[in-house]
Amino acid sequence: LPAYYELILPYLGGAPAADLKVLSKDDVNMNVSTFVTLRRD
């Protein structure tokens, strides 16, 4: 659902790369300020 990104957004700082790769296919329009707080690895 389109709302999934908004629901999971507060928790994305713990997302593994595989999940971010899947999310990248959903055109979520993440803010850069959120992007820079993702897990570094």
PDB file of all heavy atoms in Angstrom:
ATOM      1  N   LEU A   1       0.839  -1.190   0.000  1.00  0.00           N
ATOM      2  CA  LEU A   1       0.000   0.000   0.000  1.00  0.00           C
ATOM      3  C   LEU A   1       0.880   1.249   0.000  1.00  0.00           C
ATOM      4  O   LEU A   1       1.976   1.240   0.554  1.00  0.00           O
ATOM      5  CB  LEU A   1      -0.900   0.024   1.249  1.00  0.00           C
ATOM      6  CG  LEU A   1      -1.888  -1.130   1.396  1.00  0.00           C
ATOM      7  CD1 LEU A   1      -2.631  -1.020   2.713  1.00  0.00           C
ATOM      8  CD2 LEU A   1      -2.874  -1.130   0.240  1.00  0.00           C
ATOM      9  N   PRO A   2       0.421   2.341  -0.606  1.00  0.00           N
ATOM     10  CA  PRO A   2       1.208   3.576  -0.619  1.00  0.00           C
ATOM     11  C   PRO A   2       1.535   4.089   0.791  1.00  0.00           C
ATOM     12  O   PRO A   2       2.567   4.718   1.009  1.00  0.00           O
ATOM     13  CB  PRO A   2       0.318   4.573  -1.361  1.00  0.00           C
ATOM     14  CG  PRO A   2      -0.609   3.729  -2.164  1.00  0.00           C
ATOM     15  CD  PRO A   2      -0.807   2.455  -1.384  1.00  0.00           C
ATOM     16  N   ALA A   3       0.679   3.812   1.768  1.00  0.00           N
ATOM     17  CA  ALA A   3       0.882   4.300   3.139  1.00  0.00           C
ATOM     18  C   ALA A   3       2.006   3.559   3.867  1.00  0.00           C
ATOM     19  O   ALA A   3       2.455   4.005   4.923  1.00  0.00           O
ATOM     20  CB  ALA A   3      -0.408   4.173   3.930  1.00  0.00           C
ATOM     21  N   TYR A   4       2.485   2.440   3.332  1.00  0.00           N
ATOM     22  CA  TYR A   4       3.511   1.638   4.008  1.00  0.00           C
ATOM     23  C   TYR A   4       4.740   2.471   4.339  1.00  0.00           C
ATOM     24  O   TYR A   4       5.263   2.403   5.450  1.00  0.00           O
ATOM     25  CB  TYR A   4       3.901   0.433   3.150  1.00  0.00           C
ATOM     26  CG  TYR A   4       5.032  -0.382   3.745  1.00  0.00           C
ATOM     27  CD1 TYR A   4       4.792  -1.232   4.817  1.00  0.00           C
ATOM     28  CD2 TYR A   4       6.333  -0.299   3.253  1.00  0.00           C
ATOM     29  CE1 TYR A   4       5.809  -1.976   5.384  1.00  0.00           C
ATOM     30  CE2 TYR A   4       7.360  -1.036   3.810  1.00  0.00           C
ATOM     31  CZ  TYR A   4       7.090  -1.879   4.880  1.00  0.00           C
ATOM     32  OH  TYR A   4       8.108  -2.605   5.440  1.00  0.00           O
ATOM     33  N   TYR A   5       5.182   3.273   3.394  1.00  0.00           N
ATOM     34  CA  TYR A   5       6.385   4.085   3.625  1.00  0.00           C
ATOM     35  C   TYR A   5       6.196   5.016   4.811  1.00  0.00           C
ATOM     36  O   TYR A   5       7.089   5.153   5.658  1.00  0.00           O
ATOM     37  CB  TYR A   5       6.749   4.882   2.366  1.00  0.00           C
ATOM     38  CG  TYR A   5       7.885   5.854   2.601  1.00  0.00           C
ATOM     39  CD1 TYR A   5       9.180   5.394   2.802  1.00  0.00           C
ATOM     40  CD2 TYR A   5       7.666   7.227   2.643  1.00  0.00           C
ATOM     41  CE1 TYR A   5      10.219   6.280   3.035  1.00  0.00           C
ATOM     42  CE2 TYR A   5       8.698   8.114   2.870  1.00  0.00           C
ATOM     43  CZ  TYR A   5       9.979   7.639   3.068  1.00  0.00           C
ATOM     44  OH  TYR A   5      11.001   8.512   3.311  1.00  0.00           O
ATOM     45  N   GLU A   6       5.046   5.670   4.909  1.00  0.00           N
ATOM     46  CA  GLU A   6       4.785   6.585   6.025  1.00  0.00           C
ATOM     47  C   GLU A   6       4.748   5.840   7.358  1.00  0.00           C
ATOM     48  O   GLU A   6       5.182   6.366   8.384  1.00  0.00           O
ATOM     49  CB  GLU A   6       3.476   7.346   5.807  1.00  0.00           C
ATOM     50  CG  GLU A   6       3.491   8.278   4.614  1.00  0.00           C
ATOM     51  CD  GLU A   6       4.570   9.358   4.693  1.00  0.00           C
ATOM     52  OE1 GLU A   6       4.838   9.855   5.804  1.00  0.00           O
ATOM     53  OE2 GLU A   6       5.141   9.688   3.645  1.00  0.00           O
ATOM     54  N   LEU A   7       4.243   4.614   7.339  1.00  0.00           N
ATOM     55  CA  LEU A   7       4.156   3.825   8.565  1.00  0.00           C
ATOM     56  C   LEU A   7       5.540   3.378   9.042  1.00  0.00           C
ATOM     57  O   LEU A   7       5.833   3.400  10.238  1.00  0.00           O
ATOM     58  CB  LEU A   7       3.276   2.593   8.336  1.00  0.00           C
ATOM     59  CG  LEU A   7       1.803   2.861   8.035  1.00  0.00           C
ATOM     60  CD1 LEU A   7       1.109   1.584   7.579  1.00  0.00           C
ATOM     61  CD2 LEU A   7       1.111   3.446   9.257  1.00  0.00           C
ATOM     62  N   ILE A   8       6.391   2.982   8.121  1.00  0.00           N
ATOM     63  CA  ILE A   8       7.710   2.432   8.452  1.00  0.00           C
ATOM     64  C   ILE A   8       8.768   3.535   8.608  1.00  0.00           C
ATOM     65  O   ILE A   8       9.832   3.309   9.191  1.00  0.00           O
ATOM     66  CB  ILE A   8       8.128   1.384   7.385  1.00  0.00           C
ATOM     67  CG1 ILE A   8       9.186   0.422   7.938  1.00  0.00           C
ATOM     68  CG2 ILE A   8       8.619   2.004   6.111  1.00  0.00           C
ATOM     69  CD1 ILE A   8       8.646  -0.707   8.715  1.00  0.00           C
ATOM     70  N   LEU A   9       8.468   4.729   8.134  1.00  0.00           N
ATOM     71  CA  LEU A   9       9.423   5.841   8.119  1.00  0.00           C
ATOM     72  C   LEU A   9      10.166   6.089   9.441  1.00  0.00           C
ATOM     73  O   LEU A   9      11.388   6.200   9.436  1.00  0.00           O
ATOM     74  CB  LEU A   9       8.727   7.116   7.636  1.00  0.00           C
ATOM     75  CG  LEU A   9       9.583   8.376   7.535  1.00  0.00           C
ATOM     76  CD1 LEU A   9      10.715   8.183   6.537  1.00  0.00           C
ATOM     77  CD2 LEU A   9       8.731   9.567   7.132  1.00  0.00           C
ATOM     78  N   PRO A  10       9.485   6.143  10.599  1.00  0.00           N
ATOM     79  CA  PRO A  10      10.225   6.419  11.837  1.00  0.00           C
ATOM     80  C   PRO A  10      11.263   5.348  12.181  1.00  0.00           C
ATOM     81  O   PRO A  10      12.180   5.593  12.954  1.00  0.00           O
ATOM     82  CB  PRO A  10       9.133   6.459  12.914  1.00  0.00           C
ATOM     83  CG  PRO A  10       7.860   6.665  12.190  1.00  0.00           C
ATOM     84  CD  PRO A  10       8.048   6.059  10.833  1.00  0.00           C
ATOM     85  N   TYR A  11      11.114   4.168  11.604  1.00  0.00           N
ATOM     86  CA  TYR A  11      11.974   3.032  11.946  1.00  0.00           C
ATOM     87  C   TYR A  11      13.054   2.748  10.901  1.00  0.00           C
ATOM     88  O   TYR A  11      13.860   1.842  11.070  1.00  0.00           O
ATOM     89  CB  TYR A  11      11.109   1.779  12.141  1.00  0.00           C
ATOM     90  CG  TYR A  11       9.993   2.006  13.134  1.00  0.00           C
ATOM     91  CD1 TYR A  11       8.698   2.286  12.715  1.00  0.00           C
ATOM     92  CD2 TYR A  11      10.250   1.993  14.504  1.00  0.00           C
ATOM     93  CE1 TYR A  11       7.683   2.529  13.632  1.00  0.00           C
ATOM     94  CE2 TYR A  11       9.243   2.227  15.427  1.00  0.00           C
ATOM     95  CZ  TYR A  11       7.972   2.498  14.981  1.00  0.00           C
ATOM     96  OH  TYR A  11       6.974   2.743  15.896  1.00  0.00           O
ATOM     97  N   LEU A  12      13.092   3.513   9.813  1.00  0.00           N
ATOM     98  CA  LEU A  12      14.024   3.234   8.707  1.00  0.00           C
ATOM     99  C   LEU A  12      15.498   3.326   9.079  1.00  0.00           C
ATOM    100  O   LEU A  12      16.338   2.795   8.375  1.00  0.00           O
ATOM    101  CB  LEU A  12      13.738   4.164   7.519  1.00  0.00           C
ATOM    102  CG  LEU A  12      12.545   3.775   6.659  1.00  0.00           C
ATOM    103  CD1 LEU A  12      12.357   4.789   5.541  1.00  0.00           C
ATOM    104  CD2 LEU A  12      12.690   2.375   6.089  1.00  0.00           C
ATOM    105  N   GLY A  13      15.823   3.975  10.177  1.00  0.00           N
ATOM    106  CA  GLY A  13      17.213   4.055  10.620  1.00  0.00           C
ATOM    107  C   GLY A  13      17.818   2.701  10.933  1.00  0.00           C
ATOM    108  O   GLY A  13      19.028   2.574  11.058  1.00  0.00           O
ATOM    109  N   GLY A  14      16.992   1.679  11.031  1.00  0.00           N
ATOM    110  CA  GLY A  14      17.468   0.322  11.301  1.00  0.00           C
ATOM    111  C   GLY A  14      17.297  -0.614  10.125  1.00  0.00           C
ATOM    112  O   GLY A  14      17.501  -1.822  10.246  1.00  0.00           O
ATOM    113  N   ALA A  15      16.945  -0.079   8.956  1.00  0.00           N
ATOM    114  CA  ALA A  15      16.666  -0.918   7.788  1.00  0.00           C
ATOM    115  C   ALA A  15      17.946  -1.453   7.143  1.00  0.00           C
ATOM    116  O   ALA A  15      18.880  -0.696   6.903  1.00  0.00           O
ATOM    117  CB  ALA A  15      15.878  -0.126   6.755  1.00  0.00           C
ATOM    118  N   PRO A  16      17.982  -2.758   6.838  1.00  0.00           N
ATOM    119  CA  PRO A  16      19.126  -3.306   6.108  1.00  0.00           C
ATOM    120  C   PRO A  16      19.070  -2.884   4.636  1.00  0.00           C
ATOM    121  O   PRO A  16      18.018  -2.477   4.139  1.00  0.00           O
ATOM    122  CB  PRO A  16      18.960  -4.817   6.269  1.00  0.00           C
ATOM    123  CG  PRO A  16      17.506  -5.029   6.530  1.00  0.00           C
ATOM    124  CD  PRO A  16      17.014  -3.790   7.212  1.00  0.00           C
ATOM    125  N   ALA A  17      20.201  -3.007   3.958  1.00  0.00           N
ATOM    126  CA  ALA A  17      20.299  -2.581   2.561  1.00  0.00           C
ATOM    127  C   ALA A  17      19.269  -3.283   1.677  1.00  0.00           C
ATOM    128  O   ALA A  17      18.683  -2.658   0.795  1.00  0.00           O
ATOM    129  CB  ALA A  17      21.709  -2.822   2.037  1.00  0.00           C
ATOM    130  N   ALA A  18      19.045  -4.567   1.898  1.00  0.00           N
ATOM    131  CA  ALA A  18      18.105  -5.321   1.057  1.00  0.00           C
ATOM    132  C   ALA A  18      16.711  -4.699   1.093  1.00  0.00           C
ATOM    133  O   ALA A  18      16.043  -4.598   0.063  1.00  0.00           O
ATOM    134  CB  ALA A  18      18.052  -6.780   1.503  1.00  0.00           C
ATOM    135  N   ASP A  19      16.277  -4.258   2.270  1.00  0.00           N
ATOM    136  CA  ASP A  19      14.955  -3.649   2.398  1.00  0.00           C
ATOM    137  C   ASP A  19      14.915  -2.268   1.743  1.00  0.00           C
ATOM    138  O   ASP A  19      13.902  -1.878   1.157  1.00  0.00           O
ATOM    139  CB  ASP A  19      14.550  -3.540   3.868  1.00  0.00           C
ATOM    140  CG  ASP A  19      14.258  -4.902   4.489  1.00  0.00           C
ATOM    141  OD1 ASP A  19      14.432  -5.934   3.797  1.00  0.00           O
ATOM    142  OD2 ASP A  19      13.861  -4.942   5.659  1.00  0.00           O
ATOM    143  N   LEU A  20      16.018  -1.518   1.843  1.00  0.00           N
ATOM    144  CA  LEU A  20      16.077  -0.213   1.183  1.00  0.00           C
ATOM    145  C   LEU A  20      16.045  -0.376  -0.331  1.00  0.00           C
ATOM    146  O   LEU A  20      15.436   0.430  -1.041  1.00  0.00           O
ATOM    147  CB  LEU A  20      17.325   0.551   1.614  1.00  0.00           C
ATOM    148  CG  LEU A  20      17.370   0.969   3.087  1.00  0.00           C
ATOM    149  CD1 LEU A  20      18.722   1.571   3.436  1.00  0.00           C
ATOM    150  CD2 LEU A  20      16.241   1.927   3.419  1.00  0.00           C
ATOM    151  N   LYS A  21      16.690  -1.417  -0.844  1.00  0.00           N
ATOM    152  CA  LYS A  21      16.697  -1.687  -2.287  1.00  0.00           C
ATOM    153  C   LYS A  21      15.274  -1.969  -2.773  1.00  0.00           C
ATOM    154  O   LYS A  21      14.866  -1.494  -3.832  1.00  0.00           O
ATOM    155  CB  LYS A  21      17.630  -2.855  -2.610  1.00  0.00           C
ATOM    156  CG  LYS A  21      19.108  -2.510  -2.443  1.00  0.00           C
ATOM    157  CD  LYS A  21      19.994  -3.745  -2.597  1.00  0.00           C
ATOM    158  CE  LYS A  21      21.442  -3.434  -2.347  1.00  0.00           C
ATOM    159  NZ  LYS A  21      22.148  -2.904  -3.489  1.00  0.00           N
ATOM    160  N   VAL A  22      14.515  -2.730  -1.996  1.00  0.00           N
ATOM    161  CA  VAL A  22      13.118  -3.020  -2.345  1.00  0.00           C
ATOM    162  C   VAL A  22      12.293  -1.729  -2.286  1.00  0.00           C
ATOM    163  O   VAL A  22      11.503  -1.450  -3.184  1.00  0.00           O
ATOM    164  CB  VAL A  22      12.526  -4.094  -1.397  1.00  0.00           C
ATOM    165  CG1 VAL A  22      11.030  -4.226  -1.578  1.00  0.00           C
ATOM    166  CG2 VAL A  22      13.212  -5.434  -1.628  1.00  0.00           C
ATOM    167  N   LEU A  23      12.510  -0.937  -1.247  1.00  0.00           N
ATOM    168  CA  LEU A  23      11.780   0.321  -1.080  1.00  0.00           C
ATOM    169  C   LEU A  23      12.080   1.296  -2.218  1.00  0.00           C
ATOM    170  O   LEU A  23      11.223   2.082  -2.613  1.00  0.00           O
ATOM    171  CB  LEU A  23      12.155   0.942   0.267  1.00  0.00           C
ATOM    172  CG  LEU A  23      11.208   1.943   0.887  1.00  0.00           C
ATOM    173  CD1 LEU A  23       9.815   1.355   1.065  1.00  0.00           C
ATOM    174  CD2 LEU A  23      11.749   2.406   2.225  1.00  0.00           C
ATOM    175  N   SER A  24      13.287   1.217  -2.777  1.00  0.00           N
ATOM    176  CA  SER A  24      13.673   2.139  -3.851  1.00  0.00           C
ATOM    177  C   SER A  24      12.836   1.941  -5.110  1.00  0.00           C
ATOM    178  O   SER A  24      12.748   2.826  -5.945  1.00  0.00           O
ATOM    179  CB  SER A  24      15.168   1.992  -4.182  1.00  0.00           C
ATOM    180  OG  SER A  24      15.402   0.823  -4.920  1.00  0.00           O
ATOM    181  N   LYS A  25      12.192   0.797  -5.228  1.00  0.00           N
ATOM    182  CA  LYS A  25      11.352   0.511  -6.401  1.00  0.00           C
ATOM    183  C   LYS A  25       9.950   1.092  -6.259  1.00  0.00           C
ATOM    184  O   LYS A  25       9.166   1.052  -7.182  1.00  0.00           O
ATOM    185  CB  LYS A  25      11.276  -1.001  -6.618  1.00  0.00           C
ATOM    186  CG  LYS A  25      12.624  -1.605  -6.950  1.00  0.00           C
ATOM    187  CD  LYS A  25      12.564  -3.106  -7.037  1.00  0.00           C
ATOM    188  CE  LYS A  25      13.958  -3.631  -7.300  1.00  0.00           C
ATOM    189  NZ  LYS A  25      14.139  -4.991  -6.864  1.00  0.00           N
ATOM    190  N   ASP A  26       9.645   1.643  -5.068  1.00  0.00           N
ATOM    191  CA  ASP A  26       8.291   2.140  -4.796  1.00  0.00           C
ATOM    192  C   ASP A  26       8.135   3.649  -4.937  1.00  0.00           C
ATOM    193  O   ASP A  26       7.084   4.188  -4.574  1.00  0.00           O
ATOM    194  CB  ASP A  26       7.857   1.723  -3.377  1.00  0.00           C
ATOM    195  CG  ASP A  26       7.708   0.222  -3.237  1.00  0.00           C
ATOM    196  OD1 ASP A  26       7.531  -0.467  -4.258  1.00  0.00           O
ATOM    197  OD2 ASP A  26       7.769  -0.268  -2.090  1.00  0.00           O
ATOM    198  N   ASP A  27       9.173   4.343  -5.438  1.00  0.00           N
ATOM    199  CA  ASP A  27       9.094   5.800  -5.611  1.00  0.00           C
ATOM    200  C   ASP A  27       8.565   6.496  -4.357  1.00  0.00           C
ATOM    201  O   ASP A  27       7.538   7.172  -4.383  1.00  0.00           O
ATOM    202  CB  ASP A  27       8.205   6.162  -6.811  1.00  0.00           C
ATOM    203  CG  ASP A  27       8.745   5.592  -8.108  1.00  0.00           C
ATOM    204  OD1 ASP A  27       9.970   5.645  -8.307  1.00  0.00           O
ATOM    205  OD2 ASP A  27       7.945   5.092  -8.911  1.00  0.00           O
ATOM    206  N   VAL A  28       9.298   6.352  -3.254  1.00  0.00           N
ATOM    207  CA  VAL A  28       8.819   6.867  -1.976  1.00  0.00           C
ATOM    208  C   VAL A  28       9.128   8.346  -1.742  1.00  0.00           C
ATOM    209  O   VAL A  28       8.577   8.953  -0.831  1.00  0.00           O
ATOM    210  CB  VAL A  28       9.370   6.031  -0.792  1.00  0.00           C
ATOM    211  CG1 VAL A  28       8.796   4.627  -0.832  1.00  0.00           C
ATOM    212  CG2 VAL A  28      10.879   5.995  -0.781  1.00  0.00           C
ATOM    213  N   ASN A  29      10.006   8.957  -2.547  1.00  0.00           N
ATOM    214  CA  ASN A  29      10.357  10.375  -2.387  1.00  0.00           C
ATOM    215  C   ASN A  29      10.836  10.701  -0.970  1.00  0.00           C
ATOM    216  O   ASN A  29      10.318  11.599  -0.303  1.00  0.00           O
ATOM    217  CB  ASN A  29       9.187  11.282  -2.784  1.00  0.00           C
ATOM    218  CG  ASN A  29       8.907  11.214  -4.264  1.00  0.00           C
ATOM    219  OD1 ASN A  29       9.819  11.221  -5.084  1.00  0.00           O
ATOM    220  ND2 ASN A  29       7.636  11.113  -4.623  1.00  0.00           N
ATOM    221  N   MET A  30      11.829   9.954  -0.528  1.00  0.00           N
ATOM    222  CA  MET A  30      12.412  10.148   0.799  1.00  0.00           C
ATOM    223  C   MET A  30      13.123  11.496   0.871  1.00  0.00           C
ATOM    224  O   MET A  30      13.802  11.894  -0.067  1.00  0.00           O
ATOM    225  CB  MET A  30      13.421   9.011   1.056  1.00  0.00           C
ATOM    226  CG  MET A  30      14.105   9.048   2.393  1.00  0.00           C
ATOM    227  SD  MET A  30      15.356   7.725   2.544  1.00  0.00           S
ATOM    228  CE  MET A  30      14.323   6.286   2.671  1.00  0.00           C
ATOM    229  N   ASN A  31      12.985  12.186   1.980  1.00  0.00           N
ATOM    230  CA  ASN A  31      13.718  13.433   2.205  1.00  0.00           C
ATOM    231  C   ASN A  31      15.201  13.116   2.361  1.00  0.00           C
ATOM    232  O   ASN A  31      15.557  12.078   2.910  1.00  0.00           O
ATOM    233  CB  ASN A  31      13.240  14.136   3.484  1.00  0.00           C
ATOM    234  CG  ASN A  31      11.874  14.736   3.328  1.00  0.00           C
ATOM    235  OD1 ASN A  31      11.510  15.201   2.264  1.00  0.00           O
ATOM    236  ND2 ASN A  31      11.106  14.708   4.404  1.00  0.00           N
ATOM    237  N   VAL A  32      16.050  14.030   1.928  1.00  0.00           N
ATOM    238  CA  VAL A  32      17.493  13.832   2.071  1.00  0.00           C
ATOM    239  C   VAL A  32      17.860  13.755   3.551  1.00  0.00           C
ATOM    240  O   VAL A  32      18.738  12.988   3.947  1.00  0.00           O
ATOM    241  CB  VAL A  32      18.295  14.930   1.340  1.00  0.00           C
ATOM    242  CG1 VAL A  32      19.790  14.757   1.560  1.00  0.00           C
ATOM    243  CG2 VAL A  32      17.987  14.911  -0.152  1.00  0.00           C
ATOM    244  N   SER A  33      17.175  14.526   4.395  1.00  0.00           N
ATOM    245  CA  SER A  33      17.461  14.493   5.831  1.00  0.00           C
ATOM    246  C   SER A  33      17.173  13.109   6.427  1.00  0.00           C
ATOM    247  O   SER A  33      17.839  12.691   7.369  1.00  0.00           O
ATOM    248  CB  SER A  33      16.680  15.573   6.567  1.00  0.00           C
ATOM    249  OG  SER A  33      15.307  15.431   6.332  1.00  0.00           O
ATOM    250  N   THR A  34      16.214  12.386   5.889  1.00  0.00           N
ATOM    251  CA  THR A  34      15.951  11.008   6.320  1.00  0.00           C
ATOM    252  C   THR A  34      17.025  10.088   5.743  1.00  0.00           C
ATOM    253  O   THR A  34      17.550   9.219   6.441  1.00  0.00           O
ATOM    254  CB  THR A  34      14.559  10.541   5.843  1.00  0.00           C
ATOM    255  OG1 THR A  34      13.570  11.410   6.393  1.00  0.00           O
ATOM    256  CG2 THR A  34      14.279   9.109   6.239  1.00  0.00           C
ATOM    257  N   PHE A  35      17.364  10.306   4.488  1.00  0.00           N
ATOM    258  CA  PHE A  35      18.358   9.480   3.797  1.00  0.00           C
ATOM    259  C   PHE A  35      19.689   9.450   4.553  1.00  0.00           C
ATOM    260  O   PHE A  35      20.291   8.397   4.708  1.00  0.00           O
ATOM    261  CB  PHE A  35      18.557  10.008   2.365  1.00  0.00           C
ATOM    262  CG  PHE A  35      19.593   9.278   1.578  1.00  0.00           C
ATOM    263  CD1 PHE A  35      19.328   8.033   1.031  1.00  0.00           C
ATOM    264  CD2 PHE A  35      20.849   9.834   1.363  1.00  0.00           C
ATOM    265  CE1 PHE A  35      20.283   7.352   0.289  1.00  0.00           C
ATOM    266  CE2 PHE A  35      21.811   9.174   0.627  1.00  0.00           C
ATOM    267  CZ  PHE A  35      21.526   7.919   0.085  1.00  0.00           C
ATOM    268  N   VAL A  36      20.146  10.588   5.032  1.00  0.00           N
ATOM    269  CA  VAL A  36      21.452  10.649   5.699  1.00  0.00           C
ATOM    270  C   VAL A  36      21.435  10.027   7.095  1.00  0.00           C
ATOM    271  O   VAL A  36      22.490   9.840   7.695  1.00  0.00           O
ATOM    272  CB  VAL A  36      22.030  12.088   5.751  1.00  0.00           C
ATOM    273  CG1 VAL A  36      22.261  12.622   4.346  1.00  0.00           C
ATOM    274  CG2 VAL A  36      21.149  13.015   6.553  1.00  0.00           C
ATOM    275  N   THR A  37      20.247   9.680   7.610  1.00  0.00           N
ATOM    276  CA  THR A  37      20.169   9.024   8.918  1.00  0.00           C
ATOM    277  C   THR A  37      19.998   7.516   8.799  1.00  0.00           C
ATOM    278  O   THR A  37      19.865   6.832   9.806  1.00  0.00           O
ATOM    279  CB  THR A  37      19.010   9.593   9.767  1.00  0.00           C
ATOM    280  OG1 THR A  37      17.775   9.339   9.090  1.00  0.00           O
ATOM    281  CG2 THR A  37      19.184  11.078  10.014  1.00  0.00           C
ATOM    282  N   LEU A  38      20.005   6.992   7.579  1.00  0.00           N
ATOM    283  CA  LEU A  38      19.903   5.549   7.393  1.00  0.00           C
ATOM    284  C   LEU A  38      21.162   4.868   7.928  1.00  0.00           C
ATOM    285  O   LEU A  38      22.203   5.502   8.082  1.00  0.00           O
ATOM    286  CB  LEU A  38      19.733   5.215   5.899  1.00  0.00           C
ATOM    287  CG  LEU A  38      18.468   5.747   5.236  1.00  0.00           C
ATOM    288  CD1 LEU A  38      18.494   5.456   3.741  1.00  0.00           C
ATOM    289  CD2 LEU A  38      17.221   5.151   5.873  1.00  0.00           C
ATOM    290  N   ARG A  39      21.047   3.575   8.179  1.00  0.00           N
ATOM    291  CA  ARG A  39      22.216   2.812   8.632  1.00  0.00           C
ATOM    292  C   ARG A  39      23.351   3.013   7.642  1.00  0.00           C
ATOM    293  O   ARG A  39      23.181   2.847   6.441  1.00  0.00           O
ATOM    294  CB  ARG A  39      21.887   1.315   8.666  1.00  0.00           C
ATOM    295  CG  ARG A  39      21.367   0.833   9.947  1.00  0.00           C
ATOM    296  CD  ARG A  39      20.916  -0.594   9.928  1.00  0.00           C
ATOM    297  NE  ARG A  39      21.871  -1.563   9.438  1.00  0.00           N
ATOM    298  CZ  ARG A  39      21.637  -2.876   9.443  1.00  0.00           C
ATOM    299  NH1 ARG A  39      20.495  -3.348   9.897  1.00  0.00           N
ATOM    300  NH2 ARG A  39      22.538  -3.707   8.981  1.00  0.00           N
ATOM    301  N   ARG A  40      24.529   3.359   8.147  1.00  0.00           N
ATOM    302  CA  ARG A  40      25.660   3.657   7.277  1.00  0.00           C
ATOM    303  C   ARG A  40      26.030   2.450   6.413  1.00  0.00           C
ATOM    304  O   ARG A  40      26.257   2.584   5.227  1.00  0.00           O
ATOM    305  CB  ARG A  40      26.866   4.106   8.112  1.00  0.00           C
ATOM    306  CG  ARG A  40      27.996   4.622   7.270  1.00  0.00           C
ATOM    307  CD  ARG A  40      29.181   5.067   8.118  1.00  0.00           C
ATOM    308  NE  ARG A  40      30.178   5.735   7.317  1.00  0.00           N
ATOM    309  CZ  ARG A  40      30.994   5.119   6.467  1.00  0.00           C
ATOM    310  NH1 ARG A  40      30.912   3.833   6.288  1.00  0.00           N
ATOM    311  NH2 ARG A  40      31.876   5.815   5.765  1.00  0.00           N
ATOM    312  N   ASP A  41      26.083   1.260   7.020  1.00  0.00           N
ATOM    313  CA  ASP A  41      26.457   0.075   6.253  1.00  0.00           C
ATOM    314  C   ASP A  41      25.437  -0.227   5.157  1.00  0.00           C
ATOM    315  O   ASP A  41      25.795  -0.685   4.070  1.00  0.00           O
ATOM    316  CB  ASP A  41      26.677  -1.138   7.166  1.00  0.00           C
ATOM    317  CG  ASP A  41      25.432  -1.541   7.947  1.00  0.00           C
ATOM    318  OD1 ASP A  41      24.617  -0.658   8.293  1.00  0.00           O
ATOM    319  OD2 ASP A  41      25.275  -2.748   8.216  1.00  0.00           O
TER     320      ASP A  41
END
